[in-house]
PDB file of N, CA and C in Angstrom:
ATOM      1  N   MET A   1     110.954 108.662  65.311  1.00  0.00           N
ATOM      2  CA  MET A   1     110.890 109.740  64.352  1.00  0.00           C
ATOM      3  C   MET A   1     111.673 109.396  63.095  1.00  0.00           C
ATOM      4  N   SER A   2     112.721 108.617  63.272  1.00  0.00           N
ATOM      5  CA  SER A   2     113.546 108.294  62.108  1.00  0.00           C
ATOM      6  C   SER A   2     112.764 107.511  61.066  1.00  0.00           C
ATOM      7  N   ILE A   3     111.933 106.584  61.499  1.00  0.00           N
ATOM      8  CA  ILE A   3     111.166 105.773  60.551  1.00  0.00           C
ATOM      9  C   ILE A   3     110.202 106.650  59.749  1.00  0.00           C
ATOM     10  N   LEU A   4     109.583 107.633  60.379  1.00  0.00           N
ATOM     11  CA  LEU A   4     108.707 108.559  59.651  1.00  0.00           C
ATOM     12  C   LEU A   4     109.458 109.221  58.501  1.00  0.00           C
ATOM     13  N   PHE A   5     110.680 109.662  58.777  1.00  0.00           N
ATOM     14  CA  PHE A   5     111.444 110.370  57.772  1.00  0.00           C
ATOM     15  C   PHE A   5     112.024 109.430  56.721  1.00  0.00           C
ATOM     16  N   ILE A   6     112.426 108.245  57.114  1.00  0.00           N
ATOM     17  CA  ILE A   6     112.947 107.276  56.148  1.00  0.00           C
ATOM     18  C   ILE A   6     111.848 106.894  55.152  1.00  0.00           C
ATOM     19  N   VAL A   7     110.683 106.538  55.652  1.00  0.00           N
ATOM     20  CA  VAL A   7     109.581 106.123  54.785  1.00  0.00           C
ATOM     21  C   VAL A   7     109.119 107.280  53.903  1.00  0.00           C
ATOM     22  N   SER A   8     108.969 108.447  54.493  1.00  0.00           N
ATOM     23  CA  SER A   8     108.528 109.609  53.727  1.00  0.00           C
ATOM     24  C   SER A   8     109.558 110.006  52.668  1.00  0.00           C
ATOM     25  N   GLY A   9     110.818 110.017  53.047  1.00  0.00           N
ATOM     26  CA  GLY A   9     111.878 110.362  52.099  1.00  0.00           C
ATOM     27  C   GLY A   9     111.975 109.368  50.966  1.00  0.00           C
ATOM     28  N   PHE A  10     111.841 108.085  51.281  1.00  0.00           N
ATOM     29  CA  PHE A  10     111.883 107.054  50.239  1.00  0.00           C
ATOM     30  C   PHE A  10     110.742 107.256  49.247  1.00  0.00           C
ATOM     31  N   GLY A  11     109.559 107.555  49.767  1.00  0.00           N
ATOM     32  CA  GLY A  11     108.416 107.805  48.893  1.00  0.00           C
ATOM     33  C   GLY A  11     108.643 109.006  47.988  1.00  0.00           C
ATOM     34  N   LYS A  12     109.259 110.034  48.519  1.00  0.00           N
ATOM     35  CA  LYS A  12     109.540 111.218  47.710  1.00  0.00           C
ATOM     36  C   LYS A  12     110.612 110.930  46.658  1.00  0.00           C
ATOM     37  N   LEU A  13     111.609 110.128  47.011  1.00  0.00           N
ATOM     38  CA  LEU A  13     112.671 109.792  46.051  1.00  0.00           C
ATOM     39  C   LEU A  13     112.149 108.897  44.933  1.00  0.00           C
ATOM     40  N   THR A  14     111.258 107.980  45.262  1.00  0.00           N
ATOM     41  CA  THR A  14     110.738 107.065  44.237  1.00  0.00           C
ATOM     42  C   THR A  14     109.578 107.664  43.455  1.00  0.00           C
ATOM     43  N   GLY A  15     108.970 108.719  43.985  1.00  0.00           N
ATOM     44  CA  GLY A  15     107.868 109.378  43.292  1.00  0.00           C
ATOM     45  C   GLY A  15     108.155 110.861  43.127  1.00  0.00           C
ATOM     46  N   ALA A  16     109.372 111.173  42.726  1.00  0.00           N
ATOM     47  CA  ALA A  16     109.820 112.572  42.677  1.00  0.00           C
ATOM     48  C   ALA A  16     108.966 113.431  41.750  1.00  0.00           C
ATOM     49  N   ALA A  17     108.538 112.889  40.634  1.00  0.00           N
ATOM     50  CA  ALA A  17     107.753 113.688  39.684  1.00  0.00           C
ATOM     51  C   ALA A  17     106.428 114.118  40.304  1.00  0.00           C
ATOM     52  N   GLY A  18     105.746 113.194  40.961  1.00  0.00           N
ATOM     53  CA  GLY A  18     104.483 113.531  41.617  1.00  0.00           C
ATOM     54  C   GLY A  18     104.683 114.518  42.758  1.00  0.00           C
ATOM     55  N   PHE A  19     105.735 114.305  43.535  1.00  0.00           N
ATOM     56  CA  PHE A  19     106.011 115.222  44.642  1.00  0.00           C
ATOM     57  C   PHE A  19     106.399 116.603  44.119  1.00  0.00           C
ATOM     58  N   ALA A  20     107.117 116.649  43.002  1.00  0.00           N
ATOM     59  CA  ALA A  20     107.474 117.936  42.387  1.00  0.00           C
ATOM     60  C   ALA A  20     106.221 118.697  41.984  1.00  0.00           C
ATOM     61  N   GLY A  21     105.217 117.994  41.486  1.00  0.00           N
ATOM     62  CA  GLY A  21     103.948 118.628  41.149  1.00  0.00           C
ATOM     63  C   GLY A  21     103.265 119.211  42.377  1.00  0.00           C
ATOM     64  N   TYR A  22     103.322 118.463  43.475  1.00  0.00           N
ATOM     65  CA  TYR A  22     102.750 118.966  44.730  1.00  0.00           C
ATOM     66  C   TYR A  22     103.490 120.222  45.182  1.00  0.00           C
ATOM     67  N   LEU A  23     104.820 120.184  45.129  1.00  0.00           N
ATOM     68  CA  LEU A  23     105.604 121.363  45.508  1.00  0.00           C
ATOM     69  C   LEU A  23     105.261 122.558  44.635  1.00  0.00           C
ATOM     70  N   ALA A  24     105.107 122.318  43.334  1.00  0.00           N
ATOM     71  CA  ALA A  24     104.748 123.404  42.411  1.00  0.00           C
ATOM     72  C   ALA A  24     103.394 123.998  42.778  1.00  0.00           C
ATOM     73  N   SER A  25     102.457 123.154  43.199  1.00  0.00           N
ATOM     74  CA  SER A  25     101.131 123.664  43.583  1.00  0.00           C
ATOM     75  C   SER A  25     101.201 124.544  44.833  1.00  0.00           C
ATOM     76  N   LEU A  26     102.254 124.352  45.633  1.00  0.00           N
ATOM     77  CA  LEU A  26     102.461 125.180  46.816  1.00  0.00           C
ATOM     78  C   LEU A  26     103.255 126.440  46.505  1.00  0.00           C
ATOM     79  N   GLY A  27     103.764 126.510  45.266  1.00  0.00           N
ATOM     80  CA  GLY A  27     104.583 127.657  44.880  1.00  0.00           C
ATOM     81  C   GLY A  27     106.048 127.502  45.210  1.00  0.00           C
ATOM     82  N   VAL A  28     106.477 126.283  45.519  1.00  0.00           N
ATOM     83  CA  VAL A  28     107.888 126.029  45.835  1.00  0.00           C
ATOM     84  C   VAL A  28     108.645 125.833  44.533  1.00  0.00           C
ATOM     85  N   PRO A  29     109.696 126.609  44.302  1.00  0.00           N
ATOM     86  CA  PRO A  29     110.454 126.470  43.056  1.00  0.00           C
ATOM     87  C   PRO A  29     111.386 125.258  43.103  1.00  0.00           C
ATOM     88  N   GLY A  30     111.908 124.886  41.964  1.00  0.00           N
ATOM     89  CA  GLY A  30     112.938 123.854  41.917  1.00  0.00           C
ATOM     90  C   GLY A  30     112.532 122.583  41.223  1.00  0.00           C
ATOM     91  N   GLY A  31     111.255 122.336  41.100  1.00  0.00           N
ATOM     92  CA  GLY A  31     110.775 121.170  40.377  1.00  0.00           C
ATOM     93  C   GLY A  31     111.300 119.855  40.922  1.00  0.00           C
ATOM     94  N   VAL A  32     111.694 118.978  40.003  1.00  0.00           N
ATOM     95  CA  VAL A  32     112.137 117.626  40.372  1.00  0.00           C
ATOM     96  C   VAL A  32     113.418 117.675  41.200  1.00  0.00           C
ATOM     97  N   ALA A  33     114.287 118.646  40.919  1.00  0.00           N
ATOM     98  CA  ALA A  33     115.526 118.762  41.701  1.00  0.00           C
ATOM     99  C   ALA A  33     115.207 119.019  43.174  1.00  0.00           C
ATOM    100  N   MET A  34     114.245 119.889  43.438  1.00  0.00           N
ATOM    101  CA  MET A  34     113.845 120.165  44.822  1.00  0.00           C
ATOM    102  C   MET A  34     113.197 118.936  45.440  1.00  0.00           C
ATOM    103  N   ALA A  35     112.425 118.191  44.664  1.00  0.00           N
ATOM    104  CA  ALA A  35     111.803 116.970  45.175  1.00  0.00           C
ATOM    105  C   ALA A  35     112.871 115.963  45.595  1.00  0.00           C
ATOM    106  N   TYR A  36     113.901 115.803  44.777  1.00  0.00           N
ATOM    107  CA  TYR A  36     114.996 114.892  45.143  1.00  0.00           C
ATOM    108  C   TYR A  36     115.765 115.400  46.350  1.00  0.00           C
ATOM    109  N   LEU A  37     115.973 116.704  46.434  1.00  0.00           N
ATOM    110  CA  LEU A  37     116.698 117.276  47.569  1.00  0.00           C
ATOM    111  C   LEU A  37     115.938 117.044  48.872  1.00  0.00           C
ATOM    112  N   VAL A  38     114.640 117.315  48.849  1.00  0.00           N
ATOM    113  CA  VAL A  38     113.812 117.101  50.039  1.00  0.00           C
ATOM    114  C   VAL A  38     113.766 115.616  50.391  1.00  0.00           C
ATOM    115  N   GLY A  39     113.564 114.771  49.394  1.00  0.00           N
ATOM    116  CA  GLY A  39     113.522 113.325  49.638  1.00  0.00           C
ATOM    117  C   GLY A  39     114.826 112.808  50.217  1.00  0.00           C
ATOM    118  N   ALA A  40     115.948 113.281  49.686  1.00  0.00           N
ATOM    119  CA  ALA A  40     117.257 112.845  50.189  1.00  0.00           C
ATOM    120  C   ALA A  40     117.477 113.322  51.618  1.00  0.00           C
ATOM    121  N   LEU A  41     117.094 114.562  51.907  1.00  0.00           N
ATOM    122  CA  LEU A  41     117.250 115.077  53.267  1.00  0.00           C
ATOM    123  C   LEU A  41     116.439 114.243  54.247  1.00  0.00           C
ATOM    124  N   GLU A  42     115.207 113.949  53.895  1.00  0.00           N
ATOM    125  CA  GLU A  42     114.374 113.144  54.788  1.00  0.00           C
ATOM    126  C   GLU A  42     114.909 111.720  54.930  1.00  0.00           C
ATOM    127  N   PHE A  43     115.238 111.085  53.800  1.00  0.00           N
ATOM    128  CA  PHE A  43     115.669 109.689  53.828  1.00  0.00           C
ATOM    129  C   PHE A  43     117.003 109.532  54.570  1.00  0.00           C
ATOM    130  N   PHE A  44     118.007 110.275  54.143  1.00  0.00           N
ATOM    131  CA  PHE A  44     119.332 110.110  54.752  1.00  0.00           C
ATOM    132  C   PHE A  44     119.393 110.709  56.153  1.00  0.00           C
ATOM    133  N   GLY A  45     118.628 111.782  56.388  1.00  0.00           N
ATOM    134  CA  GLY A  45     118.542 112.310  57.747  1.00  0.00           C
ATOM    135  C   GLY A  45     117.897 111.311  58.684  1.00  0.00           C
ATOM    136  N   GLY A  46     116.843 110.654  58.218  1.00  0.00           N
ATOM    137  CA  GLY A  46     116.198 109.620  59.018  1.00  0.00           C
ATOM    138  C   GLY A  46     117.124 108.447  59.306  1.00  0.00           C
ATOM    139  N   LEU A  47     117.894 108.044  58.303  1.00  0.00           N
ATOM    140  CA  LEU A  47     118.872 106.970  58.521  1.00  0.00           C
ATOM    141  C   LEU A  47     119.941 107.375  59.536  1.00  0.00           C
ATOM    142  N   ALA A  48     120.411 108.615  59.432  1.00  0.00           N
ATOM    143  CA  ALA A  48     121.432 109.099  60.367  1.00  0.00           C
ATOM    144  C   ALA A  48     120.905 109.095  61.795  1.00  0.00           C
ATOM    145  N   ILE A  49     119.654 109.527  61.976  1.00  0.00           N
ATOM    146  CA  ILE A  49     119.047 109.501  63.312  1.00  0.00           C
ATOM    147  C   ILE A  49     118.892 108.063  63.790  1.00  0.00           C
ATOM    148  N   LEU A  50     118.476 107.174  62.906  1.00  0.00           N
ATOM    149  CA  LEU A  50     118.270 105.770  63.280  1.00  0.00           C
ATOM    150  C   LEU A  50     119.542 105.131  63.837  1.00  0.00           C
ATOM    151  N   VAL A  51     120.666 105.366  63.179  1.00  0.00           N
ATOM    152  CA  VAL A  51     121.920 104.735  63.625  1.00  0.00           C
ATOM    153  C   VAL A  51     122.694 105.609  64.602  1.00  0.00           C
ATOM    154  N   GLY A  52     122.253 106.857  64.768  1.00  0.00           N
ATOM    155  CA  GLY A  52     122.925 107.745  65.707  1.00  0.00           C
ATOM    156  C   GLY A  52     124.212 108.335  65.165  1.00  0.00           C
ATOM    157  N   PHE A  53     124.210 108.723  63.901  1.00  0.00           N
ATOM    158  CA  PHE A  53     125.390 109.323  63.275  1.00  0.00           C
ATOM    159  C   PHE A  53     125.205 110.837  63.197  1.00  0.00           C
ATOM    160  N   GLN A  54     126.118 111.585  63.831  1.00  0.00           N
ATOM    161  CA  GLN A  54     126.027 113.052  63.863  1.00  0.00           C
ATOM    162  C   GLN A  54     124.643 113.487  64.332  1.00  0.00           C
ATOM    163  N   THR A  55     124.187 112.847  65.385  1.00  0.00           N
ATOM    164  CA  THR A  55     122.808 112.969  65.830  1.00  0.00           C
ATOM    165  C   THR A  55     122.410 114.401  66.156  1.00  0.00           C
ATOM    166  N   ARG A  56     123.244 115.106  66.893  1.00  0.00           N
ATOM    167  CA  ARG A  56     122.878 116.468  67.295  1.00  0.00           C
ATOM    168  C   ARG A  56     122.699 117.371  66.076  1.00  0.00           C
ATOM    169  N   ILE A  57     123.643 117.333  65.157  1.00  0.00           N
ATOM    170  CA  ILE A  57     123.581 118.181  63.965  1.00  0.00           C
ATOM    171  C   ILE A  57     122.359 117.822  63.123  1.00  0.00           C
ATOM    172  N   VAL A  58     122.194 116.537  62.846  1.00  0.00           N
ATOM    173  CA  VAL A  58     121.078 116.091  62.003  1.00  0.00           C
ATOM    174  C   VAL A  58     119.743 116.412  62.663  1.00  0.00           C
ATOM    175  N   ALA A  59     119.647 116.256  63.967  1.00  0.00           N
ATOM    176  CA  ALA A  59     118.395 116.561  64.668  1.00  0.00           C
ATOM    177  C   ALA A  59     118.036 118.038  64.523  1.00  0.00           C
ATOM    178  N   TYR A  60     119.009 118.916  64.662  1.00  0.00           N
ATOM    179  CA  TYR A  60     118.727 120.353  64.509  1.00  0.00           C
ATOM    180  C   TYR A  60     118.380 120.700  63.066  1.00  0.00           C
ATOM    181  N   VAL A  61     119.054 120.072  62.112  1.00  0.00           N
ATOM    182  CA  VAL A  61     118.732 120.317  60.698  1.00  0.00           C
ATOM    183  C   VAL A  61     117.307 119.854  60.392  1.00  0.00           C
ATOM    184  N   LEU A  62     116.943 118.662  60.867  1.00  0.00           N
ATOM    185  CA  LEU A  62     115.591 118.160  60.612  1.00  0.00           C
ATOM    186  C   LEU A  62     114.531 118.968  61.364  1.00  0.00           C
ATOM    187  N   ALA A  63     114.873 119.504  62.524  1.00  0.00           N
ATOM    188  CA  ALA A  63     113.935 120.386  63.228  1.00  0.00           C
ATOM    189  C   ALA A  63     113.671 121.641  62.397  1.00  0.00           C
ATOM    190  N   ALA A  64     114.729 122.249  61.884  1.00  0.00           N
ATOM    191  CA  ALA A  64     114.567 123.453  61.053  1.00  0.00           C
ATOM    192  C   ALA A  64     113.801 123.122  59.769  1.00  0.00           C
ATOM    193  N   PHE A  65     114.124 122.000  59.157  1.00  0.00           N
ATOM    194  CA  PHE A  65     113.425 121.562  57.949  1.00  0.00           C
ATOM    195  C   PHE A  65     111.933 121.377  58.231  1.00  0.00           C
ATOM    196  N   THR A  66     111.609 120.784  59.361  1.00  0.00           N
ATOM    197  CA  THR A  66     110.213 120.522  59.700  1.00  0.00           C
ATOM    198  C   THR A  66     109.460 121.823  59.967  1.00  0.00           C
ATOM    199  N   VAL A  67     110.116 122.804  60.572  1.00  0.00           N
ATOM    200  CA  VAL A  67     109.488 124.123  60.718  1.00  0.00           C
ATOM    201  C   VAL A  67     109.177 124.688  59.327  1.00  0.00           C
ATOM    202  N   GLY A  68     110.112 124.522  58.399  1.00  0.00           N
ATOM    203  CA  GLY A  68     109.878 124.982  57.025  1.00  0.00           C
ATOM    204  C   GLY A  68     108.695 124.294  56.377  1.00  0.00           C
ATOM    205  N   THR A  69     108.546 123.004  56.621  1.00  0.00           N
ATOM    206  CA  THR A  69     107.401 122.296  56.036  1.00  0.00           C
ATOM    207  C   THR A  69     106.087 122.756  56.650  1.00  0.00           C
ATOM    208  N   ILE A  70     106.119 123.102  57.933  1.00  0.00           N
ATOM    209  CA  ILE A  70     104.900 123.644  58.553  1.00  0.00           C
ATOM    210  C   ILE A  70     104.499 124.923  57.832  1.00  0.00           C
ATOM    211  N   LEU A  71     105.477 125.814  57.644  1.00  0.00           N
ATOM    212  CA  LEU A  71     105.187 127.117  57.039  1.00  0.00           C
ATOM    213  C   LEU A  71     104.818 127.000  55.564  1.00  0.00           C
ATOM    214  N   ALA A  72     105.456 126.082  54.851  1.00  0.00           N
ATOM    215  CA  ALA A  72     105.227 125.972  53.407  1.00  0.00           C
ATOM    216  C   ALA A  72     104.009 125.131  53.048  1.00  0.00           C
ATOM    217  N   ALA A  73     103.710 124.115  53.843  1.00  0.00           N
ATOM    218  CA  ALA A  73     102.715 123.144  53.387  1.00  0.00           C
ATOM    219  C   ALA A  73     101.572 122.862  54.352  1.00  0.00           C
ATOM    220  N   HIS A  74     101.714 123.198  55.634  1.00  0.00           N
ATOM    221  CA  HIS A  74     100.725 122.718  56.592  1.00  0.00           C
ATOM    222  C   HIS A  74      99.964 123.810  57.332  1.00  0.00           C
ATOM    223  N   MET A  75     100.110 125.061  56.940  1.00  0.00           N
ATOM    224  CA  MET A  75      99.410 126.120  57.662  1.00  0.00           C
ATOM    225  C   MET A  75      97.895 126.060  57.454  1.00  0.00           C
ATOM    226  N   GLY A  76      97.446 125.434  56.378  1.00  0.00           N
ATOM    227  CA  GLY A  76      96.012 125.295  56.145  1.00  0.00           C
ATOM    228  C   GLY A  76      95.388 124.131  56.891  1.00  0.00           C
ATOM    229  N   ASP A  77      96.214 123.274  57.470  1.00  0.00           N
ATOM    230  CA  ASP A  77      95.739 122.097  58.201  1.00  0.00           C
ATOM    231  C   ASP A  77      96.402 122.114  59.571  1.00  0.00           C
ATOM    232  N   MET A  78      95.704 122.677  60.536  1.00  0.00           N
ATOM    233  CA  MET A  78      96.318 122.867  61.848  1.00  0.00           C
ATOM    234  C   MET A  78      96.646 121.554  62.548  1.00  0.00           C
ATOM    235  N   THR A  79      95.905 120.494  62.257  1.00  0.00           N
ATOM    236  CA  THR A  79      96.240 119.205  62.852  1.00  0.00           C
ATOM    237  C   THR A  79      97.607 118.739  62.360  1.00  0.00           C
ATOM    238  N   ALA A  80      97.856 118.836  61.048  1.00  0.00           N
ATOM    239  CA  ALA A  80      99.154 118.466  60.503  1.00  0.00           C
ATOM    240  C   ALA A  80     100.246 119.403  61.009  1.00  0.00           C
ATOM    241  N   ALA A  81      99.924 120.695  61.131  1.00  0.00           N
ATOM    242  CA  ALA A  81     100.903 121.655  61.626  1.00  0.00           C
ATOM    243  C   ALA A  81     101.304 121.333  63.063  1.00  0.00           C
ATOM    244  N   MET A  82     100.332 121.009  63.904  1.00  0.00           N
ATOM    245  CA  MET A  82     100.636 120.674  65.300  1.00  0.00           C
ATOM    246  C   MET A  82     101.402 119.364  65.403  1.00  0.00           C
ATOM    247  N   LYS A  83     101.055 118.392  64.549  1.00  0.00           N
ATOM    248  CA  LYS A  83     101.800 117.128  64.539  1.00  0.00           C
ATOM    249  C   LYS A  83     103.263 117.402  64.203  1.00  0.00           C
ATOM    250  N   ASN A  84     103.480 118.218  63.179  1.00  0.00           N
ATOM    251  CA  ASN A  84     104.854 118.533  62.790  1.00  0.00           C
ATOM    252  C   ASN A  84     105.560 119.347  63.863  1.00  0.00           C
ATOM    253  N   LEU A  85     104.829 120.204  64.562  1.00  0.00           N
ATOM    254  CA  LEU A  85     105.445 120.966  65.644  1.00  0.00           C
ATOM    255  C   LEU A  85     105.895 120.045  66.771  1.00  0.00           C
ATOM    256  N   SER A  86     105.141 118.985  67.028  1.00  0.00           N
ATOM    257  CA  SER A  86     105.577 118.025  68.050  1.00  0.00           C
ATOM    258  C   SER A  86     106.823 117.279  67.584  1.00  0.00           C
ATOM    259  N   ILE A  87     106.946 117.019  66.284  1.00  0.00           N
ATOM    260  CA  ILE A  87     108.156 116.395  65.745  1.00  0.00           C
ATOM    261  C   ILE A  87     109.339 117.341  65.919  1.00  0.00           C
ATOM    262  N   VAL A  88     109.118 118.645  65.689  1.00  0.00           N
ATOM    263  CA  VAL A  88     110.172 119.639  65.907  1.00  0.00           C
ATOM    264  C   VAL A  88     110.657 119.557  67.358  1.00  0.00           C
ATOM    265  N   GLY A  89     109.719 119.497  68.292  1.00  0.00           N
ATOM    266  CA  GLY A  89     110.086 119.382  69.702  1.00  0.00           C
ATOM    267  C   GLY A  89     110.908 118.142  69.983  1.00  0.00           C
ATOM    268  N   GLY A  90     110.519 117.027  69.388  1.00  0.00           N
ATOM    269  CA  GLY A  90     111.290 115.797  69.565  1.00  0.00           C
ATOM    270  C   GLY A  90     112.701 115.917  69.031  1.00  0.00           C
ATOM    271  N   PHE A  91     112.840 116.538  67.870  1.00  0.00           N
ATOM    272  CA  PHE A  91     114.178 116.725  67.312  1.00  0.00           C
ATOM    273  C   PHE A  91     115.013 117.685  68.155  1.00  0.00           C
ATOM    274  N   LEU A  92     114.389 118.716  68.711  1.00  0.00           N
ATOM    275  CA  LEU A  92     115.135 119.637  69.565  1.00  0.00           C
ATOM    276  C   LEU A  92     115.630 118.940  70.835  1.00  0.00           C
ATOM    277  N   VAL A  93     114.792 118.088  71.410  1.00  0.00           N
ATOM    278  CA  VAL A  93     115.223 117.313  72.578  1.00  0.00           C
ATOM    279  C   VAL A  93     116.366 116.376  72.185  1.00  0.00           C
ATOM    280  N   LEU A  94     116.215 115.686  71.060  1.00  0.00           N
ATOM    281  CA  LEU A  94     117.269 114.776  70.604  1.00  0.00           C
ATOM    282  C   LEU A  94     118.560 115.543  70.337  1.00  0.00           C
ATOM    283  N   GLY A  95     118.454 116.730  69.755  1.00  0.00           N
ATOM    284  CA  GLY A  95     119.639 117.547  69.518  1.00  0.00           C
ATOM    285  C   GLY A  95     120.311 117.964  70.812  1.00  0.00           C
ATOM    286  N   ALA A  96     119.536 118.263  71.827  1.00  0.00           N
ATOM    287  CA  ALA A  96     120.103 118.678  73.112  1.00  0.00           C
ATOM    288  C   ALA A  96     120.739 117.517  73.866  1.00  0.00           C
ATOM    289  N   VAL A  97     120.105 116.349  73.805  1.00  0.00           N
ATOM    290  CA  VAL A  97     120.560 115.184  74.567  1.00  0.00           C
ATOM    291  C   VAL A  97     121.625 114.399  73.813  1.00  0.00           C
ATOM    292  N   GLY A  98     121.471 114.278  72.504  1.00  0.00           N
ATOM    293  CA  GLY A  98     122.407 113.491  71.703  1.00  0.00           C
ATOM    294  C   GLY A  98     122.011 112.029  71.652  1.00  0.00           C
ATOM    295  N   ALA A  99     122.842 111.268  71.005  1.00  0.00           N
ATOM    296  CA  ALA A  99     122.575 109.847  70.785  1.00  0.00           C
ATOM    297  C   ALA A  99     122.923 109.019  72.016  1.00  0.00           C
ATOM    298  N   GLY A 100     122.398 107.809  72.047  1.00  0.00           N
ATOM    299  CA  GLY A 100     122.645 106.912  73.157  1.00  0.00           C
ATOM    300  C   GLY A 100     123.958 106.152  73.026  1.00  0.00           C
ATOM    301  N   ALA A 101     124.203 105.297  73.989  1.00  0.00           N
ATOM    302  CA  ALA A 101     125.468 104.563  74.072  1.00  0.00           C
ATOM    303  C   ALA A 101     125.672 103.583  72.925  1.00  0.00           C
ATOM    304  N   TYR A 102     124.590 103.058  72.353  1.00  0.00           N
ATOM    305  CA  TYR A 102     124.718 102.057  71.300  1.00  0.00           C
ATOM    306  C   TYR A 102     124.707 102.667  69.902  1.00  0.00           C
ATOM    307  N   SER A 103     124.787 103.969  69.790  1.00  0.00           N
ATOM    308  CA  SER A 103     124.782 104.645  68.493  1.00  0.00           C
ATOM    309  C   SER A 103     126.193 104.750  67.934  1.00  0.00           C
ATOM    310  N   VAL A 104     126.284 105.168  66.686  1.00  0.00           N
ATOM    311  CA  VAL A 104     127.590 105.432  66.080  1.00  0.00           C
ATOM    312  C   VAL A 104     128.294 106.527  66.860  1.00  0.00           C
ATOM    313  N   ASP A 105     127.569 107.578  67.221  1.00  0.00           N
ATOM    314  CA  ASP A 105     128.166 108.656  68.027  1.00  0.00           C
ATOM    315  C   ASP A 105     128.645 108.147  69.368  1.00  0.00           C
ATOM    316  N   GLY A 106     127.855 107.307  70.018  1.00  0.00           N
ATOM    317  CA  GLY A 106     128.230 106.747  71.317  1.00  0.00           C
ATOM    318  C   GLY A 106     129.461 105.872  71.238  1.00  0.00           C
ATOM    319  N   ARG A 107     129.581 105.094  70.186  1.00  0.00           N
ATOM    320  CA  ARG A 107     130.757 104.247  70.008  1.00  0.00           C
ATOM    321  C   ARG A 107     131.994 105.084  69.747  1.00  0.00           C
ATOM    322  N   SER A 108     131.854 106.175  69.002  1.00  0.00           N
ATOM    323  CA  SER A 108     133.024 107.009  68.703  1.00  0.00           C
ATOM    324  C   SER A 108     133.501 107.757  69.960  1.00  0.00           C
ATOM    325  N   ARG A 109     132.605 108.037  70.883  1.00  0.00           N
ATOM    326  CA  ARG A 109     133.005 108.682  72.151  1.00  0.00           C
ATOM    327  C   ARG A 109     133.826 107.725  72.995  1.00  0.00           C
ATOM    328  N   ARG A 110     133.516 106.425  72.933  1.00  0.00           N
ATOM    329  CA  ARG A 110     134.232 105.436  73.737  1.00  0.00           C
ATOM    330  C   ARG A 110     135.588 105.094  73.151  1.00  0.00           C
ATOM    331  N   ALA A 111     135.733 105.225  71.846  1.00  0.00           N
ATOM    332  CA  ALA A 111     136.983 104.806  71.197  1.00  0.00           C
ATOM    333  C   ALA A 111     138.119 105.777  71.448  1.00  0.00           C
TER     334      ALA A 111
END
C-alpha cells in the first residue's frame, strides 16, 4: 500500500497545478495549496508506512484520508470506491497490528 501512496503523492506534488484543477472540478476548495497538502500527505505517509515509522498513527490517518477520497472523488465510480474501501481495510488492519520487527517502530521497541 505504501508504494501506491508514494507514487500517487509524488505525481500530485510534481503536477500540483493539474491536480488542483481536478480538485476544483470536484468542488474542493484550496487550489494549489490543497493539491500540495494532499500530495505531501500521500507521499510522506506512504514513506512512513514503508519504513514503519509511527505506523499505527499514520495508518489510521491514511485510512481516514482514503474514506474522504471515496466520498469526495469516487462515489460516481463504484469500482474505484470499492478499491479504495479495500485500502481503508488494509490500513485499519495495519493500524491495529502495527509495524513489524524490522521497521523503525520495531527497532525503537527493542532499544
